[in-house]
Amino acid sequence: AVLGRPVLNGTKAKLEKQAVELLAQGLPEAWLCD
């Protein structure tokens, strides 16, 4: 949404993997979205 264009597949996969790991560590979803 902030980027204003589709996210490249490699970037998308990397961010999703990191988000899953950070959420598993217990970081709040809203904080990560910010």
ModelCIF file with pLDDT and N, C-alpha, C, O atoms, coordinates in Angstrom:
data_MODEL
#
_entry.id   MODEL 
#
_entity.id                         1 
_entity.type                       polymer 
_entity.pdbx_number_of_molecules   1 
#
_entity_poly.entity_id                      1 
_entity_poly.type                           'polypeptide(L)' 
_entity_poly.nstd_linkage                   no 
_entity_poly.nstd_monomer                   no 
_entity_poly.pdbx_seq_one_letter_code       AVLGRPVLNGTKAKLEKQAVELLAQGLPEAWLCD 
_entity_poly.pdbx_seq_one_letter_code_can   AVLGRPVLNGTKAKLEKQAVELLAQGLPEAWLCD 
_entity_poly.pdbx_strand_id                 A 
#
loop_
_entity_poly_seq.entity_id 
_entity_poly_seq.num 
_entity_poly_seq.mon_id 
_entity_poly_seq.hetero 
1 1  ALA n 
1 2  VAL n 
1 3  LEU n 
1 4  GLY n 
1 5  ARG n 
1 6  PRO n 
1 7  VAL n 
1 8  LEU n 
1 9  ASN n 
1 10 GLY n 
1 11 THR n 
1 12 LYS n 
1 13 ALA n 
1 14 LYS n 
1 15 LEU n 
1 16 GLU n 
1 17 LYS n 
1 18 GLN n 
1 19 ALA n 
1 20 VAL n 
1 21 GLU n 
1 22 LEU n 
1 23 LEU n 
1 24 ALA n 
1 25 GLN n 
1 26 GLY n 
1 27 LEU n 
1 28 PRO n 
1 29 GLU n 
1 30 ALA n 
1 31 TRP n 
1 32 LEU n 
1 33 CYS n 
1 34 ASP n 
#
_struct_asym.id          A 
_struct_asym.entity_id   1 
#
loop_
_ma_qa_metric.id 
_ma_qa_metric.mode 
_ma_qa_metric.name 
_ma_qa_metric.software_group_id 
_ma_qa_metric.type 
1 global pLDDT . pLDDT 
2 local  pLDDT . pLDDT 
#
_ma_qa_metric_global.metric_id      1 
_ma_qa_metric_global.metric_value   87.09 
_ma_qa_metric_global.model_id       1 
_ma_qa_metric_global.ordinal_id     1 
#
loop_
_ma_qa_metric_local.label_asym_id 
_ma_qa_metric_local.label_comp_id 
_ma_qa_metric_local.label_seq_id 
_ma_qa_metric_local.metric_id 
_ma_qa_metric_local.metric_value 
_ma_qa_metric_local.model_id 
_ma_qa_metric_local.ordinal_id 
A ALA 1  2 85.00 1 1  
A VAL 2  2 85.00 1 2  
A LEU 3  2 84.00 1 3  
A GLY 4  2 86.00 1 4  
A ARG 5  2 87.00 1 5  
A PRO 6  2 88.00 1 6  
A VAL 7  2 88.00 1 7  
A LEU 8  2 91.00 1 8  
A ASN 9  2 92.00 1 9  
A GLY 10 2 92.00 1 10 
A THR 11 2 91.00 1 11 
A LYS 12 2 90.00 1 12 
A ALA 13 2 92.00 1 13 
A LYS 14 2 92.00 1 14 
A LEU 15 2 90.00 1 15 
A GLU 16 2 90.00 1 16 
A LYS 17 2 91.00 1 17 
A GLN 18 2 90.00 1 18 
A ALA 19 2 88.00 1 19 
A VAL 20 2 87.00 1 20 
A GLU 21 2 86.00 1 21 
A LEU 22 2 84.00 1 22 
A LEU 23 2 83.00 1 23 
A ALA 24 2 80.00 1 24 
A GLN 25 2 79.00 1 25 
A GLY 26 2 78.00 1 26 
A LEU 27 2 83.00 1 27 
A PRO 28 2 84.00 1 28 
A GLU 29 2 85.00 1 29 
A ALA 30 2 86.00 1 30 
A TRP 31 2 88.00 1 31 
A LEU 32 2 88.00 1 32 
A CYS 33 2 88.00 1 33 
A ASP 34 2 90.00 1 34 
#
loop_
_atom_site.group_PDB 
_atom_site.id 
_atom_site.type_symbol 
_atom_site.label_atom_id 
_atom_site.label_alt_id 
_atom_site.label_comp_id 
_atom_site.label_asym_id 
_atom_site.label_entity_id 
_atom_site.label_seq_id 
_atom_site.pdbx_PDB_ins_code 
_atom_site.Cartn_x 
_atom_site.Cartn_y 
_atom_site.Cartn_z 
_atom_site.occupancy 
_atom_site.B_iso_or_equiv 
_atom_site.pdbx_formal_charge 
_atom_site.auth_seq_id 
_atom_site.auth_comp_id 
_atom_site.auth_asym_id 
_atom_site.auth_atom_id 
_atom_site.pdbx_PDB_model_num 
ATOM 1   N N  . ALA A 1 1  ? 0.828  -1.207  0.000  1.00 85.00 ? 1  ALA A N  1 
ATOM 2   C CA . ALA A 1 1  ? 0.000  0.000   0.000  1.00 85.00 ? 1  ALA A CA 1 
ATOM 3   C C  . ALA A 1 1  ? 0.862  1.257   0.000  1.00 85.00 ? 1  ALA A C  1 
ATOM 4   O O  . ALA A 1 1  ? 0.574  2.209   -0.725 1.00 85.00 ? 1  ALA A O  1 
ATOM 5   N N  . VAL A 1 2  ? 1.904  1.263   0.799  1.00 85.00 ? 2  VAL A N  1 
ATOM 6   C CA . VAL A 1 2  ? 2.782  2.436   0.862  1.00 85.00 ? 2  VAL A CA 1 
ATOM 7   C C  . VAL A 1 2  ? 3.656  2.506   -0.385 1.00 85.00 ? 2  VAL A C  1 
ATOM 8   O O  . VAL A 1 2  ? 3.941  3.594   -0.884 1.00 85.00 ? 2  VAL A O  1 
ATOM 9   N N  . LEU A 1 3  ? 4.077  1.364   -0.883 1.00 84.00 ? 3  LEU A N  1 
ATOM 10  C CA . LEU A 1 3  ? 4.933  1.311   -2.066 1.00 84.00 ? 3  LEU A CA 1 
ATOM 11  C C  . LEU A 1 3  ? 4.192  1.829   -3.297 1.00 84.00 ? 3  LEU A C  1 
ATOM 12  O O  . LEU A 1 3  ? 4.779  2.482   -4.160 1.00 84.00 ? 3  LEU A O  1 
ATOM 13  N N  . GLY A 1 4  ? 2.891  1.530   -3.365 1.00 86.00 ? 4  GLY A N  1 
ATOM 14  C CA . GLY A 1 4  ? 2.080  2.022   -4.473 1.00 86.00 ? 4  GLY A CA 1 
ATOM 15  C C  . GLY A 1 4  ? 2.201  1.198   -5.750 1.00 86.00 ? 4  GLY A C  1 
ATOM 16  O O  . GLY A 1 4  ? 1.756  1.628   -6.814 1.00 86.00 ? 4  GLY A O  1 
ATOM 17  N N  . ARG A 1 5  ? 2.791  0.041   -5.648 1.00 87.00 ? 5  ARG A N  1 
ATOM 18  C CA . ARG A 1 5  ? 2.911  -0.859  -6.797 1.00 87.00 ? 5  ARG A CA 1 
ATOM 19  C C  . ARG A 1 5  ? 3.053  -2.286  -6.271 1.00 87.00 ? 5  ARG A C  1 
ATOM 20  O O  . ARG A 1 5  ? 3.293  -2.480  -5.079 1.00 87.00 ? 5  ARG A O  1 
ATOM 21  N N  . PRO A 1 6  ? 2.910  -3.277  -7.133 1.00 88.00 ? 6  PRO A N  1 
ATOM 22  C CA . PRO A 1 6  ? 3.082  -4.661  -6.672 1.00 88.00 ? 6  PRO A CA 1 
ATOM 23  C C  . PRO A 1 6  ? 4.500  -4.892  -6.158 1.00 88.00 ? 6  PRO A C  1 
ATOM 24  O O  . PRO A 1 6  ? 5.459  -4.287  -6.637 1.00 88.00 ? 6  PRO A O  1 
ATOM 25  N N  . VAL A 1 7  ? 4.606  -5.766  -5.191 1.00 88.00 ? 7  VAL A N  1 
ATOM 26  C CA . VAL A 1 7  ? 5.892  -6.108  -4.592 1.00 88.00 ? 7  VAL A CA 1 
ATOM 27  C C  . VAL A 1 7  ? 6.504  -7.256  -5.383 1.00 88.00 ? 7  VAL A C  1 
ATOM 28  O O  . VAL A 1 7  ? 5.817  -8.221  -5.717 1.00 88.00 ? 7  VAL A O  1 
ATOM 29  N N  . LEU A 1 8  ? 7.789  -7.151  -5.680 1.00 91.00 ? 8  LEU A N  1 
ATOM 30  C CA . LEU A 1 8  ? 8.475  -8.216  -6.404 1.00 91.00 ? 8  LEU A CA 1 
ATOM 31  C C  . LEU A 1 8  ? 8.420  -9.513  -5.611 1.00 91.00 ? 8  LEU A C  1 
ATOM 32  O O  . LEU A 1 8  ? 8.425  -9.484  -4.380 1.00 91.00 ? 8  LEU A O  1 
ATOM 33  N N  . ASN A 1 9  ? 8.368  -10.647 -6.297 1.00 92.00 ? 9  ASN A N  1 
ATOM 34  C CA . ASN A 1 9  ? 8.217  -11.948 -5.644 1.00 92.00 ? 9  ASN A CA 1 
ATOM 35  C C  . ASN A 1 9  ? 9.327  -12.229 -4.641 1.00 92.00 ? 9  ASN A C  1 
ATOM 36  O O  . ASN A 1 9  ? 9.050  -12.724 -3.549 1.00 92.00 ? 9  ASN A O  1 
ATOM 37  N N  . GLY A 1 10 ? 10.570 -11.926 -4.981 1.00 92.00 ? 10 GLY A N  1 
ATOM 38  C CA . GLY A 1 10 ? 11.686 -12.169 -4.065 1.00 92.00 ? 10 GLY A CA 1 
ATOM 39  C C  . GLY A 1 10 ? 11.570 -11.335 -2.798 1.00 92.00 ? 10 GLY A C  1 
ATOM 40  O O  . GLY A 1 10 ? 11.805 -11.829 -1.696 1.00 92.00 ? 10 GLY A O  1 
ATOM 41  N N  . THR A 1 11 ? 11.210 -10.077 -2.960 1.00 91.00 ? 11 THR A N  1 
ATOM 42  C CA . THR A 1 11 ? 11.021 -9.188  -1.813 1.00 91.00 ? 11 THR A CA 1 
ATOM 43  C C  . THR A 1 11 ? 9.847  -9.653  -0.977 1.00 91.00 ? 11 THR A C  1 
ATOM 44  O O  . THR A 1 11 ? 9.905  -9.659  0.252  1.00 91.00 ? 11 THR A O  1 
ATOM 45  N N  . LYS A 1 12 ? 8.785  -10.041 -1.654 1.00 90.00 ? 12 LYS A N  1 
ATOM 46  C CA . LYS A 1 12 ? 7.590  -10.525 -0.945 1.00 90.00 ? 12 LYS A CA 1 
ATOM 47  C C  . LYS A 1 12 ? 7.922  -11.750 -0.096 1.00 90.00 ? 12 LYS A C  1 
ATOM 48  O O  . LYS A 1 12 ? 7.536  -11.820 1.071  1.00 90.00 ? 12 LYS A O  1 
ATOM 49  N N  . ALA A 1 13 ? 8.632  -12.713 -0.676 1.00 92.00 ? 13 ALA A N  1 
ATOM 50  C CA . ALA A 1 13 ? 8.989  -13.938 0.049  1.00 92.00 ? 13 ALA A CA 1 
ATOM 51  C C  . ALA A 1 13 ? 9.882  -13.624 1.247  1.00 92.00 ? 13 ALA A C  1 
ATOM 52  O O  . ALA A 1 13 ? 9.696  -14.181 2.329  1.00 92.00 ? 13 ALA A O  1 
ATOM 53  N N  . LYS A 1 14 ? 10.844 -12.736 1.052  1.00 92.00 ? 14 LYS A N  1 
ATOM 54  C CA . LYS A 1 14 ? 11.763 -12.361 2.129  1.00 92.00 ? 14 LYS A CA 1 
ATOM 55  C C  . LYS A 1 14 ? 11.010 -11.687 3.273  1.00 92.00 ? 14 LYS A C  1 
ATOM 56  O O  . LYS A 1 14 ? 11.192 -12.047 4.436  1.00 92.00 ? 14 LYS A O  1 
ATOM 57  N N  . LEU A 1 15 ? 10.164 -10.709 2.944  1.00 90.00 ? 15 LEU A N  1 
ATOM 58  C CA . LEU A 1 15 ? 9.414  -9.993  3.976  1.00 90.00 ? 15 LEU A CA 1 
ATOM 59  C C  . LEU A 1 15 ? 8.440  -10.909 4.709  1.00 90.00 ? 15 LEU A C  1 
ATOM 60  O O  . LEU A 1 15 ? 8.291  -10.811 5.927  1.00 90.00 ? 15 LEU A O  1 
ATOM 61  N N  . GLU A 1 16 ? 7.785  -11.789 3.980  1.00 90.00 ? 16 GLU A N  1 
ATOM 62  C CA . GLU A 1 16 ? 6.844  -12.716 4.620  1.00 90.00 ? 16 GLU A CA 1 
ATOM 63  C C  . GLU A 1 16 ? 7.572  -13.641 5.590  1.00 90.00 ? 16 GLU A C  1 
ATOM 64  O O  . GLU A 1 16 ? 7.097  -13.883 6.700  1.00 90.00 ? 16 GLU A O  1 
ATOM 65  N N  . LYS A 1 17 ? 8.716  -14.153 5.173  1.00 91.00 ? 17 LYS A N  1 
ATOM 66  C CA . LYS A 1 17 ? 9.495  -15.044 6.036  1.00 91.00 ? 17 LYS A CA 1 
ATOM 67  C C  . LYS A 1 17 ? 9.942  -14.302 7.296  1.00 91.00 ? 17 LYS A C  1 
ATOM 68  O O  . LYS A 1 17 ? 9.833  -14.829 8.403  1.00 91.00 ? 17 LYS A O  1 
ATOM 69  N N  . GLN A 1 18 ? 10.441 -13.086 7.125  1.00 90.00 ? 18 GLN A N  1 
ATOM 70  C CA . GLN A 1 18 ? 10.893 -12.307 8.276  1.00 90.00 ? 18 GLN A CA 1 
ATOM 71  C C  . GLN A 1 18 ? 9.721  -11.951 9.190  1.00 90.00 ? 18 GLN A C  1 
ATOM 72  O O  . GLN A 1 18 ? 9.855  -11.975 10.413 1.00 90.00 ? 18 GLN A O  1 
ATOM 73  N N  . ALA A 1 19 ? 8.587  -11.623 8.601  1.00 88.00 ? 19 ALA A N  1 
ATOM 74  C CA . ALA A 1 19 ? 7.409  -11.280 9.406  1.00 88.00 ? 19 ALA A CA 1 
ATOM 75  C C  . ALA A 1 19 ? 6.968  -12.474 10.244 1.00 88.00 ? 19 ALA A C  1 
ATOM 76  O O  . ALA A 1 19 ? 6.630  -12.316 11.417 1.00 88.00 ? 19 ALA A O  1 
ATOM 77  N N  . VAL A 1 20 ? 6.968  -13.649 9.662  1.00 87.00 ? 20 VAL A N  1 
ATOM 78  C CA . VAL A 1 20 ? 6.588  -14.863 10.395 1.00 87.00 ? 20 VAL A CA 1 
ATOM 79  C C  . VAL A 1 20 ? 7.540  -15.080 11.572 1.00 87.00 ? 20 VAL A C  1 
ATOM 80  O O  . VAL A 1 20 ? 7.097  -15.384 12.679 1.00 87.00 ? 20 VAL A O  1 
ATOM 81  N N  . GLU A 1 21 ? 8.837  -14.925 11.337 1.00 86.00 ? 21 GLU A N  1 
ATOM 82  C CA . GLU A 1 21 ? 9.827  -15.106 12.403 1.00 86.00 ? 21 GLU A CA 1 
ATOM 83  C C  . GLU A 1 21 ? 9.650  -14.077 13.516 1.00 86.00 ? 21 GLU A C  1 
ATOM 84  O O  . GLU A 1 21 ? 9.717  -14.413 14.698 1.00 86.00 ? 21 GLU A O  1 
ATOM 85  N N  . LEU A 1 22 ? 9.424  -12.825 13.131 1.00 84.00 ? 22 LEU A N  1 
ATOM 86  C CA . LEU A 1 22 ? 9.264  -11.769 14.138 1.00 84.00 ? 22 LEU A CA 1 
ATOM 87  C C  . LEU A 1 22 ? 7.962  -11.923 14.911 1.00 84.00 ? 22 LEU A C  1 
ATOM 88  O O  . LEU A 1 22 ? 7.922  -11.663 16.114 1.00 84.00 ? 22 LEU A O  1 
ATOM 89  N N  . LEU A 1 23 ? 6.906  -12.339 14.239 1.00 83.00 ? 23 LEU A N  1 
ATOM 90  C CA . LEU A 1 23 ? 5.649  -12.605 14.938 1.00 83.00 ? 23 LEU A CA 1 
ATOM 91  C C  . LEU A 1 23 ? 5.812  -13.775 15.896 1.00 83.00 ? 23 LEU A C  1 
ATOM 92  O O  . LEU A 1 23 ? 5.244  -13.767 16.988 1.00 83.00 ? 23 LEU A O  1 
ATOM 93  N N  . ALA A 1 24 ? 6.587  -14.783 15.495 1.00 80.00 ? 24 ALA A N  1 
ATOM 94  C CA . ALA A 1 24 ? 6.826  -15.937 16.366 1.00 80.00 ? 24 ALA A CA 1 
ATOM 95  C C  . ALA A 1 24 ? 7.605  -15.525 17.615 1.00 80.00 ? 24 ALA A C  1 
ATOM 96  O O  . ALA A 1 24 ? 7.474  -16.145 18.671 1.00 80.00 ? 24 ALA A O  1 
ATOM 97  N N  . GLN A 1 25 ? 8.411  -14.479 17.485 1.00 79.00 ? 25 GLN A N  1 
ATOM 98  C CA . GLN A 1 25 ? 9.138  -13.962 18.645 1.00 79.00 ? 25 GLN A CA 1 
ATOM 99  C C  . GLN A 1 25 ? 8.210  -13.156 19.549 1.00 79.00 ? 25 GLN A C  1 
ATOM 100 O O  . GLN A 1 25 ? 8.569  -12.799 20.671 1.00 79.00 ? 25 GLN A O  1 
ATOM 101 N N  . GLY A 1 26 ? 7.011  -12.876 19.040 1.00 78.00 ? 26 GLY A N  1 
ATOM 102 C CA . GLY A 1 26 ? 6.018  -12.200 19.844 1.00 78.00 ? 26 GLY A CA 1 
ATOM 103 C C  . GLY A 1 26 ? 5.887  -10.718 19.592 1.00 78.00 ? 26 GLY A C  1 
ATOM 104 O O  . GLY A 1 26 ? 5.168  -10.035 20.321 1.00 78.00 ? 26 GLY A O  1 
ATOM 105 N N  . LEU A 1 27 ? 6.563  -10.197 18.575 1.00 83.00 ? 27 LEU A N  1 
ATOM 106 C CA . LEU A 1 27 ? 6.404  -8.774  18.283 1.00 83.00 ? 27 LEU A CA 1 
ATOM 107 C C  . LEU A 1 27 ? 4.988  -8.517  17.793 1.00 83.00 ? 27 LEU A C  1 
ATOM 108 O O  . LEU A 1 27 ? 4.455  -9.308  17.014 1.00 83.00 ? 27 LEU A O  1 
ATOM 109 N N  . PRO A 1 28 ? 4.371  -7.433  18.230 1.00 84.00 ? 28 PRO A N  1 
ATOM 110 C CA . PRO A 1 28 ? 2.988  -7.151  17.843 1.00 84.00 ? 28 PRO A CA 1 
ATOM 111 C C  . PRO A 1 28 ? 2.850  -6.882  16.345 1.00 84.00 ? 28 PRO A C  1 
ATOM 112 O O  . PRO A 1 28 ? 3.684  -6.208  15.741 1.00 84.00 ? 28 PRO A O  1 
ATOM 113 N N  . GLU A 1 29 ? 1.807  -7.411  15.772 1.00 85.00 ? 29 GLU A N  1 
ATOM 114 C CA . GLU A 1 29 ? 1.560  -7.241  14.340 1.00 85.00 ? 29 GLU A CA 1 
ATOM 115 C C  . GLU A 1 29 ? 1.461  -5.768  13.962 1.00 85.00 ? 29 GLU A C  1 
ATOM 116 O O  . GLU A 1 29 ? 2.031  -5.348  12.955 1.00 85.00 ? 29 GLU A O  1 
ATOM 117 N N  . ALA A 1 30 ? 0.745  -4.983  14.755 1.00 86.00 ? 30 ALA A N  1 
ATOM 118 C CA . ALA A 1 30 ? 0.582  -3.558  14.452 1.00 86.00 ? 30 ALA A CA 1 
ATOM 119 C C  . ALA A 1 30 ? 1.928  -2.835  14.463 1.00 86.00 ? 30 ALA A C  1 
ATOM 120 O O  . ALA A 1 30 ? 2.178  -1.969  13.624 1.00 86.00 ? 30 ALA A O  1 
ATOM 121 N N  . TRP A 1 31 ? 2.791  -3.191  15.412 1.00 88.00 ? 31 TRP A N  1 
ATOM 122 C CA . TRP A 1 31 ? 4.116  -2.576  15.500 1.00 88.00 ? 31 TRP A CA 1 
ATOM 123 C C  . TRP A 1 31 ? 4.933  -2.918  14.256 1.00 88.00 ? 31 TRP A C  1 
ATOM 124 O O  . TRP A 1 31 ? 5.614  -2.059  13.697 1.00 88.00 ? 31 TRP A O  1 
ATOM 125 N N  . LEU A 1 32 ? 4.861  -4.189  13.824 1.00 88.00 ? 32 LEU A N  1 
ATOM 126 C CA . LEU A 1 32 ? 5.585  -4.598  12.622 1.00 88.00 ? 32 LEU A CA 1 
ATOM 127 C C  . LEU A 1 32 ? 5.043  -3.908  11.373 1.00 88.00 ? 32 LEU A C  1 
ATOM 128 O O  . LEU A 1 32 ? 5.813  -3.523  10.493 1.00 88.00 ? 32 LEU A O  1 
ATOM 129 N N  . CYS A 1 33 ? 3.730  -3.752  11.291 1.00 88.00 ? 33 CYS A N  1 
ATOM 130 C CA . CYS A 1 33 ? 3.138  -3.053  10.141 1.00 88.00 ? 33 CYS A CA 1 
ATOM 131 C C  . CYS A 1 33 ? 3.617  -1.609  10.078 1.00 88.00 ? 33 CYS A C  1 
ATOM 132 O O  . CYS A 1 33 ? 3.870  -1.083  8.994  1.00 88.00 ? 33 CYS A O  1 
ATOM 133 N N  . ASP A 1 34 ? 3.742  -0.974  11.223 1.00 90.00 ? 34 ASP A N  1 
ATOM 134 C CA . ASP A 1 34 ? 4.264  0.392   11.257 1.00 90.00 ? 34 ASP A CA 1 
ATOM 135 C C  . ASP A 1 34 ? 5.708  0.434   10.767 1.00 90.00 ? 34 ASP A C  1 
ATOM 136 O O  . ASP A 1 34 ? 6.315  1.504   10.725 1.00 90.00 ? 34 ASP A O  1 
#
